Amino acid sequence: MAITNTRLTTTDPTTVFTAVGQQAITTIYVCNTTGSTVSFNLFVINSADSVGAAYDNMAYSSLELTANDTYVISNERLVLDNSDLIDVEANTADCITVTVSSIAV
């Protein structure tokens, strides 16, 4: 099992995970580390698609995180092929940390 942590330092889509080989995402934590409400979008991008988040790749849209709250995605497993991406964007910079837990399949 592997864990990656990414701080979203801009409001632009940020790649928080790139699959190496075939990998299953077991859990994603999206943590608001500030005292204000922020929102985020999460994109799952097939490596055959153009790089960069687009509405065609959106898996979660405009989810709000209240101050110091964490959103956990763990009910469904995503199986990604080599070079598939997970991008996240937030409406405010330097407020969200994303932790992705994965395992090779």
PDB file of N, CA and C in Angstrom:
ATOM      1  N   MET A   1       0.846  -1.170   0.000  1.00  0.00           N
ATOM      2  CA  MET A   1       0.000   0.000   0.000  1.00  0.00           C
ATOM      3  C   MET A   1       0.890   1.231   0.000  1.00  0.00           C
ATOM      4  N   ALA A   2       0.469   2.260  -0.725  1.00  0.00           N
ATOM      5  CA  ALA A   2       1.233   3.502  -0.818  1.00  0.00           C
ATOM      6  C   ALA A   2       0.346   4.686  -0.481  1.00  0.00           C
ATOM      7  N   ILE A   3       0.966   5.714   0.047  1.00  0.00           N
ATOM      8  CA  ILE A   3       0.248   6.936   0.401  1.00  0.00           C
ATOM      9  C   ILE A   3       0.971   8.115  -0.233  1.00  0.00           C
ATOM     10  N   THR A   4       0.198   9.015  -0.854  1.00  0.00           N
ATOM     11  CA  THR A   4       0.749  10.265  -1.357  1.00  0.00           C
ATOM     12  C   THR A   4      -0.006  11.421  -0.721  1.00  0.00           C
ATOM     13  N   ASN A   5       0.707  12.486  -0.386  1.00  0.00           N
ATOM     14  CA  ASN A   5       0.104  13.689   0.198  1.00  0.00           C
ATOM     15  C   ASN A   5       0.439  14.874  -0.689  1.00  0.00           C
ATOM     16  N   THR A   6      -0.563  15.711  -0.955  1.00  0.00           N
ATOM     17  CA  THR A   6      -0.359  16.885  -1.798  1.00  0.00           C
ATOM     18  C   THR A   6      -1.096  18.074  -1.191  1.00  0.00           C
ATOM     19  N   ARG A   7      -0.389  19.183  -1.055  1.00  0.00           N
ATOM     20  CA  ARG A   7      -0.987  20.443  -0.628  1.00  0.00           C
ATOM     21  C   ARG A   7      -1.360  21.211  -1.891  1.00  0.00           C
ATOM     22  N   LEU A   8      -2.616  21.689  -1.973  1.00  0.00           N
ATOM     23  CA  LEU A   8      -3.065  22.470  -3.129  1.00  0.00           C
ATOM     24  C   LEU A   8      -2.645  23.914  -2.911  1.00  0.00           C
ATOM     25  N   THR A   9      -1.573  24.327  -3.571  1.00  0.00           N
ATOM     26  CA  THR A   9      -1.009  25.657  -3.345  1.00  0.00           C
ATOM     27  C   THR A   9      -1.604  26.722  -4.264  1.00  0.00           C
ATOM     28  N   THR A  10      -2.380  26.300  -5.282  1.00  0.00           N
ATOM     29  CA  THR A  10      -3.037  27.239  -6.190  1.00  0.00           C
ATOM     30  C   THR A  10      -4.504  26.836  -6.322  1.00  0.00           C
ATOM     31  N   THR A  11      -5.255  27.617  -7.071  1.00  0.00           N
ATOM     32  CA  THR A  11      -6.643  27.254  -7.360  1.00  0.00           C
ATOM     33  C   THR A  11      -6.756  26.492  -8.676  1.00  0.00           C
ATOM     34  N   ASP A  12      -5.628  26.249  -9.334  1.00  0.00           N
ATOM     35  CA  ASP A  12      -5.608  25.475 -10.572  1.00  0.00           C
ATOM     36  C   ASP A  12      -5.718  23.983 -10.264  1.00  0.00           C
ATOM     37  N   PRO A  13      -6.210  23.191 -11.217  1.00  0.00           N
ATOM     38  CA  PRO A  13      -6.207  21.741 -11.011  1.00  0.00           C
ATOM     39  C   PRO A  13      -4.787  21.244 -10.752  1.00  0.00           C
ATOM     40  N   THR A  14      -4.651  20.418  -9.726  1.00  0.00           N
ATOM     41  CA  THR A  14      -3.353  19.891  -9.318  1.00  0.00           C
ATOM     42  C   THR A  14      -3.411  18.372  -9.343  1.00  0.00           C
ATOM     43  N   THR A  15      -2.432  17.751  -9.980  1.00  0.00           N
ATOM     44  CA  THR A  15      -2.375  16.290  -9.985  1.00  0.00           C
ATOM     45  C   THR A  15      -1.942  15.811  -8.607  1.00  0.00           C
ATOM     46  N   VAL A  16      -2.802  15.008  -7.973  1.00  0.00           N
ATOM     47  CA  VAL A  16      -2.505  14.472  -6.643  1.00  0.00           C
ATOM     48  C   VAL A  16      -2.130  13.001  -6.693  1.00  0.00           C
ATOM     49  N   PHE A  17      -2.352  12.371  -7.863  1.00  0.00           N
ATOM     50  CA  PHE A  17      -1.991  10.959  -8.002  1.00  0.00           C
ATOM     51  C   PHE A  17      -1.828  10.626  -9.471  1.00  0.00           C
ATOM     52  N   THR A  18      -0.760   9.900  -9.788  1.00  0.00           N
ATOM     53  CA  THR A  18      -0.524   9.355 -11.127  1.00  0.00           C
ATOM     54  C   THR A  18      -0.271   7.862 -10.975  1.00  0.00           C
ATOM     55  N   ALA A  19      -1.071   7.056 -11.646  1.00  0.00           N
ATOM     56  CA  ALA A  19      -0.930   5.603 -11.537  1.00  0.00           C
ATOM     57  C   ALA A  19       0.338   5.128 -12.228  1.00  0.00           C
ATOM     58  N   VAL A  20       1.018   4.195 -11.571  1.00  0.00           N
ATOM     59  CA  VAL A  20       2.182   3.519 -12.136  1.00  0.00           C
ATOM     60  C   VAL A  20       1.788   2.051 -12.241  1.00  0.00           C
ATOM     61  N   GLY A  21       1.578   1.598 -13.465  1.00  0.00           N
ATOM     62  CA  GLY A  21       1.002   0.272 -13.633  1.00  0.00           C
ATOM     63  C   GLY A  21      -0.476   0.355 -13.300  1.00  0.00           C
ATOM     64  N   GLN A  22      -1.070  -0.761 -12.976  1.00  0.00           N
ATOM     65  CA  GLN A  22      -2.474  -0.759 -12.587  1.00  0.00           C
ATOM     66  C   GLN A  22      -2.555  -0.659 -11.073  1.00  0.00           C
ATOM     67  N   GLN A  23      -3.271   0.353 -10.573  1.00  0.00           N
ATOM     68  CA  GLN A  23      -3.379   0.587  -9.141  1.00  0.00           C
ATOM     69  C   GLN A  23      -4.828   0.837  -8.752  1.00  0.00           C
ATOM     70  N   ALA A  24      -5.193   0.397  -7.559  1.00  0.00           N
ATOM     71  CA  ALA A  24      -6.516   0.668  -7.006  1.00  0.00           C
ATOM     72  C   ALA A  24      -6.388   1.747  -5.940  1.00  0.00           C
ATOM     73  N   ILE A  25      -7.275   2.720  -6.008  1.00  0.00           N
ATOM     74  CA  ILE A  25      -7.341   3.759  -4.988  1.00  0.00           C
ATOM     75  C   ILE A  25      -8.262   3.239  -3.901  1.00  0.00           C
ATOM     76  N   THR A  26      -7.733   3.124  -2.694  1.00  0.00           N
ATOM     77  CA  THR A  26      -8.535   2.593  -1.597  1.00  0.00           C
ATOM     78  C   THR A  26      -9.246   3.698  -0.825  1.00  0.00           C
ATOM     79  N   THR A  27      -8.591   4.834  -0.657  1.00  0.00           N
ATOM     80  CA  THR A  27      -9.189   5.945   0.091  1.00  0.00           C
ATOM     81  C   THR A  27      -8.570   7.258  -0.370  1.00  0.00           C
ATOM     82  N   ILE A  28      -9.393   8.306  -0.390  1.00  0.00           N
ATOM     83  CA  ILE A  28      -8.907   9.669  -0.632  1.00  0.00           C
ATOM     84  C   ILE A  28      -9.429  10.542   0.501  1.00  0.00           C
ATOM     85  N   TYR A  29      -8.518  11.273   1.144  1.00  0.00           N
ATOM     86  CA  TYR A  29      -8.879  12.227   2.188  1.00  0.00           C
ATOM     87  C   TYR A  29      -8.651  13.628   1.643  1.00  0.00           C
ATOM     88  N   VAL A  30      -9.653  14.476   1.743  1.00  0.00           N
ATOM     89  CA  VAL A  30      -9.519  15.871   1.341  1.00  0.00           C
ATOM     90  C   VAL A  30      -9.746  16.695   2.611  1.00  0.00           C
ATOM     91  N   CYS A  31      -8.688  17.346   3.088  1.00  0.00           N
ATOM     92  CA  CYS A  31      -8.694  17.994   4.397  1.00  0.00           C
ATOM     93  C   CYS A  31      -8.573  19.516   4.269  1.00  0.00           C
ATOM     94  N   ASN A  32      -9.522  20.226   4.837  1.00  0.00           N
ATOM     95  CA  ASN A  32      -9.473  21.684   4.922  1.00  0.00           C
ATOM     96  C   ASN A  32      -8.722  22.042   6.202  1.00  0.00           C
ATOM     97  N   THR A  33      -7.582  22.658   6.068  1.00  0.00           N
ATOM     98  CA  THR A  33      -6.735  22.958   7.227  1.00  0.00           C
ATOM     99  C   THR A  33      -6.882  24.399   7.701  1.00  0.00           C
ATOM    100  N   THR A  34      -7.937  25.073   7.259  1.00  0.00           N
ATOM    101  CA  THR A  34      -8.124  26.477   7.627  1.00  0.00           C
ATOM    102  C   THR A  34      -9.402  26.677   8.437  1.00  0.00           C
ATOM    103  N   GLY A  35      -9.602  27.901   8.877  1.00  0.00           N
ATOM    104  CA  GLY A  35     -10.779  28.251   9.660  1.00  0.00           C
ATOM    105  C   GLY A  35     -11.941  28.753   8.825  1.00  0.00           C
ATOM    106  N   SER A  36     -11.863  28.585   7.496  1.00  0.00           N
ATOM    107  CA  SER A  36     -12.918  29.050   6.592  1.00  0.00           C
ATOM    108  C   SER A  36     -13.434  27.897   5.742  1.00  0.00           C
ATOM    109  N   THR A  37     -14.673  28.022   5.262  1.00  0.00           N
ATOM    110  CA  THR A  37     -15.235  27.028   4.350  1.00  0.00           C
ATOM    111  C   THR A  37     -14.603  27.189   2.969  1.00  0.00           C
ATOM    112  N   VAL A  38     -14.233  26.062   2.366  1.00  0.00           N
ATOM    113  CA  VAL A  38     -13.698  26.041   0.996  1.00  0.00           C
ATOM    114  C   VAL A  38     -14.419  24.948   0.219  1.00  0.00           C
ATOM    115  N   SER A  39     -14.327  25.002  -1.106  1.00  0.00           N
ATOM    116  CA  SER A  39     -14.929  23.950  -1.923  1.00  0.00           C
ATOM    117  C   SER A  39     -13.885  23.388  -2.877  1.00  0.00           C
ATOM    118  N   PHE A  40     -14.148  22.164  -3.357  1.00  0.00           N
ATOM    119  CA  PHE A  40     -13.210  21.520  -4.264  1.00  0.00           C
ATOM    120  C   PHE A  40     -13.939  20.703  -5.313  1.00  0.00           C
ATOM    121  N   ASN A  41     -13.246  20.452  -6.418  1.00  0.00           N
ATOM    122  CA  ASN A  41     -13.666  19.531  -7.477  1.00  0.00           C
ATOM    123  C   ASN A  41     -12.605  18.456  -7.581  1.00  0.00           C
ATOM    124  N   LEU A  42     -13.029  17.238  -7.892  1.00  0.00           N
ATOM    125  CA  LEU A  42     -12.099  16.131  -8.065  1.00  0.00           C
ATOM    126  C   LEU A  42     -12.335  15.522  -9.441  1.00  0.00           C
ATOM    127  N   PHE A  43     -11.241  15.279 -10.178  1.00  0.00           N
ATOM    128  CA  PHE A  43     -11.295  14.765 -11.537  1.00  0.00           C
ATOM    129  C   PHE A  43     -10.536  13.440 -11.614  1.00  0.00           C
ATOM    130  N   VAL A  44     -11.079  12.464 -12.349  1.00  0.00           N
ATOM    131  CA  VAL A  44     -10.396  11.204 -12.628  1.00  0.00           C
ATOM    132  C   VAL A  44     -10.156  11.189 -14.140  1.00  0.00           C
ATOM    133  N   ILE A  45      -8.880  11.211 -14.521  1.00  0.00           N
ATOM    134  CA  ILE A  45      -8.521  11.451 -15.914  1.00  0.00           C
ATOM    135  C   ILE A  45      -7.831  10.228 -16.508  1.00  0.00           C
ATOM    136  N   ASN A  46      -8.438   9.667 -17.530  1.00  0.00           N
ATOM    137  CA  ASN A  46      -7.857   8.551 -18.280  1.00  0.00           C
ATOM    138  C   ASN A  46      -6.633   9.063 -19.021  1.00  0.00           C
ATOM    139  N   SER A  47      -5.569   8.286 -19.032  1.00  0.00           N
ATOM    140  CA  SER A  47      -4.327   8.719 -19.693  1.00  0.00           C
ATOM    141  C   SER A  47      -4.519   8.997 -21.181  1.00  0.00           C
ATOM    142  N   ALA A  48      -5.537   8.427 -21.800  1.00  0.00           N
ATOM    143  CA  ALA A  48      -5.801   8.667 -23.218  1.00  0.00           C
ATOM    144  C   ALA A  48      -6.455  10.025 -23.455  1.00  0.00           C
ATOM    145  N   ASP A  49      -7.011  10.643 -22.390  1.00  0.00           N
ATOM    146  CA  ASP A  49      -7.633  11.963 -22.515  1.00  0.00           C
ATOM    147  C   ASP A  49      -6.558  13.033 -22.509  1.00  0.00           C
ATOM    148  N   SER A  50      -6.951  14.220 -22.937  1.00  0.00           N
ATOM    149  CA  SER A  50      -5.995  15.329 -22.888  1.00  0.00           C
ATOM    150  C   SER A  50      -5.666  15.644 -21.434  1.00  0.00           C
ATOM    151  N   VAL A  51      -4.430  16.039 -21.186  1.00  0.00           N
ATOM    152  CA  VAL A  51      -3.983  16.346 -19.828  1.00  0.00           C
ATOM    153  C   VAL A  51      -4.702  17.591 -19.342  1.00  0.00           C
ATOM    154  N   GLY A  52      -5.056  17.602 -18.078  1.00  0.00           N
ATOM    155  CA  GLY A  52      -5.739  18.742 -17.486  1.00  0.00           C
ATOM    156  C   GLY A  52      -7.178  18.402 -17.196  1.00  0.00           C
ATOM    157  N   ALA A  53      -7.666  18.968 -16.132  1.00  0.00           N
ATOM    158  CA  ALA A  53      -9.030  18.681 -15.699  1.00  0.00           C
ATOM    159  C   ALA A  53     -10.043  19.306 -16.659  1.00  0.00           C
ATOM    160  N   ALA A  54     -11.099  18.585 -16.891  1.00  0.00           N
ATOM    161  CA  ALA A  54     -12.203  19.072 -17.713  1.00  0.00           C
ATOM    162  C   ALA A  54     -13.493  18.515 -17.133  1.00  0.00           C
ATOM    163  N   TYR A  55     -14.583  19.144 -17.442  1.00  0.00           N
ATOM    164  CA  TYR A  55     -15.848  18.687 -16.885  1.00  0.00           C
ATOM    165  C   TYR A  55     -16.173  17.259 -17.269  1.00  0.00           C
ATOM    166  N   ASP A  56     -15.639  16.778 -18.388  1.00  0.00           N
ATOM    167  CA  ASP A  56     -15.865  15.394 -18.800  1.00  0.00           C
ATOM    168  C   ASP A  56     -15.235  14.397 -17.830  1.00  0.00           C
ATOM    169  N   ASN A  57     -14.250  14.835 -17.052  1.00  0.00           N
ATOM    170  CA  ASN A  57     -13.528  13.955 -16.139  1.00  0.00           C
ATOM    171  C   ASN A  57     -13.921  14.159 -14.672  1.00  0.00           C
ATOM    172  N   MET A  58     -14.899  15.024 -14.413  1.00  0.00           N
ATOM    173  CA  MET A  58     -15.238  15.383 -13.039  1.00  0.00           C
ATOM    174  C   MET A  58     -15.952  14.240 -12.329  1.00  0.00           C
ATOM    175  N   ALA A  59     -15.468  13.883 -11.146  1.00  0.00           N
ATOM    176  CA  ALA A  59     -16.094  12.834 -10.337  1.00  0.00           C
ATOM    177  C   ALA A  59     -16.838  13.438  -9.141  1.00  0.00           C
ATOM    178  N   TYR A  60     -16.321  14.536  -8.597  1.00  0.00           N
ATOM    179  CA  TYR A  60     -16.962  15.257  -7.493  1.00  0.00           C
ATOM    180  C   TYR A  60     -16.945  16.731  -7.838  1.00  0.00           C
ATOM    181  N   SER A  61     -18.095  17.402  -7.667  1.00  0.00           N
ATOM    182  CA  SER A  61     -18.233  18.789  -8.078  1.00  0.00           C
ATOM    183  C   SER A  61     -18.647  19.689  -6.921  1.00  0.00           C
ATOM    184  N   SER A  62     -17.891  20.749  -6.723  1.00  0.00           N
ATOM    185  CA  SER A  62     -18.231  21.822  -5.777  1.00  0.00           C
ATOM    186  C   SER A  62     -18.602  21.313  -4.378  1.00  0.00           C
ATOM    187  N   LEU A  63     -17.821  20.346  -3.875  1.00  0.00           N
ATOM    188  CA  LEU A  63     -18.066  19.862  -2.513  1.00  0.00           C
ATOM    189  C   LEU A  63     -17.508  20.875  -1.518  1.00  0.00           C
ATOM    190  N   GLU A  64     -18.312  21.243  -0.539  1.00  0.00           N
ATOM    191  CA  GLU A  64     -17.879  22.213   0.462  1.00  0.00           C
ATOM    192  C   GLU A  64     -17.316  21.513   1.685  1.00  0.00           C
ATOM    193  N   LEU A  65     -16.193  22.035   2.148  1.00  0.00           N
ATOM    194  CA  LEU A  65     -15.575  21.565   3.385  1.00  0.00           C
ATOM    195  C   LEU A  65     -15.616  22.723   4.377  1.00  0.00           C
ATOM    196  N   THR A  66     -16.269  22.499   5.492  1.00  0.00           N
ATOM    197  CA  THR A  66     -16.293  23.537   6.515  1.00  0.00           C
ATOM    198  C   THR A  66     -14.924  23.644   7.173  1.00  0.00           C
ATOM    199  N   ALA A  67     -14.748  24.628   7.997  1.00  0.00           N
ATOM    200  CA  ALA A  67     -13.467  24.877   8.664  1.00  0.00           C
ATOM    201  C   ALA A  67     -12.957  23.612   9.342  1.00  0.00           C
ATOM    202  N   ASN A  68     -11.701  23.277   9.092  1.00  0.00           N
ATOM    203  CA  ASN A  68     -11.012  22.153   9.737  1.00  0.00           C
ATOM    204  C   ASN A  68     -11.733  20.823   9.592  1.00  0.00           C
ATOM    205  N   ASP A  69     -12.391  20.604   8.459  1.00  0.00           N
ATOM    206  CA  ASP A  69     -13.130  19.368   8.213  1.00  0.00           C
ATOM    207  C   ASP A  69     -12.388  18.526   7.176  1.00  0.00           C
ATOM    208  N   THR A  70     -12.707  17.222   7.136  1.00  0.00           N
ATOM    209  CA  THR A  70     -12.124  16.301   6.167  1.00  0.00           C
ATOM    210  C   THR A  70     -13.228  15.530   5.476  1.00  0.00           C
ATOM    211  N   TYR A  71     -13.137  15.427   4.151  1.00  0.00           N
ATOM    212  CA  TYR A  71     -14.060  14.620   3.356  1.00  0.00           C
ATOM    213  C   TYR A  71     -13.320  13.333   2.996  1.00  0.00           C
ATOM    214  N   VAL A  72     -13.947  12.187   3.255  1.00  0.00           N
ATOM    215  CA  VAL A  72     -13.308  10.894   3.009  1.00  0.00           C
ATOM    216  C   VAL A  72     -14.068  10.171   1.906  1.00  0.00           C
ATOM    217  N   ILE A  73     -13.324   9.743   0.883  1.00  0.00           N
ATOM    218  CA  ILE A  73     -13.884   8.966  -0.217  1.00  0.00           C
ATOM    219  C   ILE A  73     -13.338   7.552  -0.061  1.00  0.00           C
ATOM    220  N   SER A  74     -14.213   6.625   0.371  1.00  0.00           N
ATOM    221  CA  SER A  74     -13.723   5.274   0.640  1.00  0.00           C
ATOM    222  C   SER A  74     -14.739   4.174   0.325  1.00  0.00           C
ATOM    223  N   ASN A  75     -15.920   4.526  -0.142  1.00  0.00           N
ATOM    224  CA  ASN A  75     -16.939   3.511  -0.383  1.00  0.00           C
ATOM    225  C   ASN A  75     -16.717   2.719  -1.662  1.00  0.00           C
ATOM    226  N   GLU A  76     -16.190   3.360  -2.678  1.00  0.00           N
ATOM    227  CA  GLU A  76     -15.955   2.710  -3.967  1.00  0.00           C
ATOM    228  C   GLU A  76     -14.458   2.723  -4.265  1.00  0.00           C
ATOM    229  N   ARG A  77     -13.964   1.703  -4.894  1.00  0.00           N
ATOM    230  CA  ARG A  77     -12.559   1.636  -5.286  1.00  0.00           C
ATOM    231  C   ARG A  77     -12.430   2.050  -6.741  1.00  0.00           C
ATOM    232  N   LEU A  78     -11.432   2.851  -7.019  1.00  0.00           N
ATOM    233  CA  LEU A  78     -11.104   3.214  -8.391  1.00  0.00           C
ATOM    234  C   LEU A  78      -9.916   2.380  -8.824  1.00  0.00           C
ATOM    235  N   VAL A  79     -10.024   1.735  -9.961  1.00  0.00           N
ATOM    236  CA  VAL A  79      -8.884   1.009 -10.513  1.00  0.00           C
ATOM    237  C   VAL A  79      -8.379   1.832 -11.693  1.00  0.00           C
ATOM    238  N   LEU A  80      -7.140   2.265 -11.580  1.00  0.00           N
ATOM    239  CA  LEU A  80      -6.540   3.120 -12.596  1.00  0.00           C
ATOM    240  C   LEU A  80      -5.474   2.350 -13.364  1.00  0.00           C
ATOM    241  N   ASP A  81      -5.379   2.625 -14.665  1.00  0.00           N
ATOM    242  CA  ASP A  81      -4.319   2.059 -15.488  1.00  0.00           C
ATOM    243  C   ASP A  81      -3.113   2.988 -15.475  1.00  0.00           C
ATOM    244  N   ASN A  82      -2.022   2.510 -15.998  1.00  0.00           N
ATOM    245  CA  ASN A  82      -0.778   3.273 -16.037  1.00  0.00           C
ATOM    246  C   ASN A  82      -1.009   4.684 -16.588  1.00  0.00           C
ATOM    247  N   SER A  83      -0.516   5.674 -15.883  1.00  0.00           N
ATOM    248  CA  SER A  83      -0.561   7.096 -16.257  1.00  0.00           C
ATOM    249  C   SER A  83      -1.928   7.760 -16.120  1.00  0.00           C
ATOM    250  N   ASP A  84      -2.951   7.050 -15.633  1.00  0.00           N
ATOM    251  CA  ASP A  84      -4.208   7.717 -15.305  1.00  0.00           C
ATOM    252  C   ASP A  84      -3.951   8.664 -14.133  1.00  0.00           C
ATOM    253  N   LEU A  85      -4.737   9.734 -14.048  1.00  0.00           N
ATOM    254  CA  LEU A  85      -4.498  10.778 -13.057  1.00  0.00           C
ATOM    255  C   LEU A  85      -5.712  11.048 -12.183  1.00  0.00           C
ATOM    256  N   ILE A  86      -5.446  11.555 -10.998  1.00  0.00           N
ATOM    257  CA  ILE A  86      -6.473  12.180 -10.168  1.00  0.00           C
ATOM    258  C   ILE A  86      -6.013  13.615  -9.938  1.00  0.00           C
ATOM    259  N   ASP A  87      -6.857  14.563 -10.351  1.00  0.00           N
ATOM    260  CA  ASP A  87      -6.605  15.981 -10.136  1.00  0.00           C
ATOM    261  C   ASP A  87      -7.635  16.529  -9.171  1.00  0.00           C
ATOM    262  N   VAL A  88      -7.224  17.513  -8.387  1.00  0.00           N
ATOM    263  CA  VAL A  88      -8.139  18.207  -7.481  1.00  0.00           C
ATOM    264  C   VAL A  88      -7.897  19.697  -7.635  1.00  0.00           C
ATOM    265  N   GLU A  89      -8.967  20.477  -7.606  1.00  0.00           N
ATOM    266  CA  GLU A  89      -8.844  21.930  -7.591  1.00  0.00           C
ATOM    267  C   GLU A  89      -9.721  22.480  -6.473  1.00  0.00           C
ATOM    268  N   ALA A  90      -9.260  23.560  -5.866  1.00  0.00           N
ATOM    269  CA  ALA A  90     -10.000  24.201  -4.779  1.00  0.00           C
ATOM    270  C   ALA A  90     -10.273  25.650  -5.149  1.00  0.00           C
ATOM    271  N   ASN A  91     -11.280  26.238  -4.512  1.00  0.00           N
ATOM    272  CA  ASN A  91     -11.607  27.624  -4.815  1.00  0.00           C
ATOM    273  C   ASN A  91     -10.698  28.612  -4.082  1.00  0.00           C
ATOM    274  N   THR A  92      -9.866  28.116  -3.159  1.00  0.00           N
ATOM    275  CA  THR A  92      -8.935  28.948  -2.403  1.00  0.00           C
ATOM    276  C   THR A  92      -7.605  28.207  -2.308  1.00  0.00           C
ATOM    277  N   ALA A  93      -6.514  28.917  -2.521  1.00  0.00           N
ATOM    278  CA  ALA A  93      -5.182  28.298  -2.451  1.00  0.00           C
ATOM    279  C   ALA A  93      -4.744  28.093  -1.005  1.00  0.00           C
ATOM    280  N   ASP A  94      -3.857  27.126  -0.810  1.00  0.00           N
ATOM    281  CA  ASP A  94      -3.234  26.841   0.490  1.00  0.00           C
ATOM    282  C   ASP A  94      -4.227  26.544   1.604  1.00  0.00           C
ATOM    283  N   CYS A  95      -5.318  25.862   1.265  1.00  0.00           N
ATOM    284  CA  CYS A  95      -6.325  25.505   2.268  1.00  0.00           C
ATOM    285  C   CYS A  95      -6.563  24.007   2.369  1.00  0.00           C
ATOM    286  N   ILE A  96      -6.207  23.261   1.331  1.00  0.00           N
ATOM    287  CA  ILE A  96      -6.570  21.843   1.262  1.00  0.00           C
ATOM    288  C   ILE A  96      -5.337  20.975   1.083  1.00  0.00           C
ATOM    289  N   THR A  97      -5.322  19.870   1.829  1.00  0.00           N
ATOM    290  CA  THR A  97      -4.331  18.818   1.656  1.00  0.00           C
ATOM    291  C   THR A  97      -5.081  17.552   1.235  1.00  0.00           C
ATOM    292  N   VAL A  98      -4.558  16.859   0.211  1.00  0.00           N
ATOM    293  CA  VAL A  98      -5.183  15.639  -0.297  1.00  0.00           C
ATOM    294  C   VAL A  98      -4.240  14.465  -0.034  1.00  0.00           C
ATOM    295  N   THR A  99      -4.783  13.423   0.582  1.00  0.00           N
ATOM    296  CA  THR A  99      -4.040  12.198   0.827  1.00  0.00           C
ATOM    297  C   THR A  99      -4.707  11.070   0.063  1.00  0.00           C
ATOM    298  N   VAL A 100      -3.918  10.359  -0.748  1.00  0.00           N
ATOM    299  CA  VAL A 100      -4.435   9.259  -1.558  1.00  0.00           C
ATOM    300  C   VAL A 100      -3.753   7.980  -1.117  1.00  0.00           C
ATOM    301  N   SER A 101      -4.547   6.962  -0.803  1.00  0.00           N
ATOM    302  CA  SER A 101      -4.029   5.647  -0.454  1.00  0.00           C
ATOM    303  C   SER A 101      -4.309   4.709  -1.619  1.00  0.00           C
ATOM    304  N   SER A 102      -3.264   3.989  -2.075  1.00  0.00           N
ATOM    305  CA  SER A 102      -3.415   3.115  -3.231  1.00  0.00           C
ATOM    306  C   SER A 102      -2.699   1.798  -3.002  1.00  0.00           C
ATOM    307  N   ILE A 103      -3.044   0.836  -3.858  1.00  0.00           N
ATOM    308  CA  ILE A 103      -2.402  -0.473  -3.805  1.00  0.00           C
ATOM    309  C   ILE A 103      -2.300  -1.006  -5.236  1.00  0.00           C
ATOM    310  N   ALA A 104      -1.212  -1.690  -5.535  1.00  0.00           N
ATOM    311  CA  ALA A 104      -1.033  -2.288  -6.856  1.00  0.00           C
ATOM    312  C   ALA A 104      -1.981  -3.474  -7.007  1.00  0.00           C
ATOM    313  N   VAL A 105      -2.533  -3.632  -8.224  1.00  0.00           N
ATOM    314  CA  VAL A 105      -3.434  -4.761  -8.471  1.00  0.00           C
ATOM    315  C   VAL A 105      -2.888  -5.632  -9.583  1.00  0.00           C
TER     316      VAL A 105
END
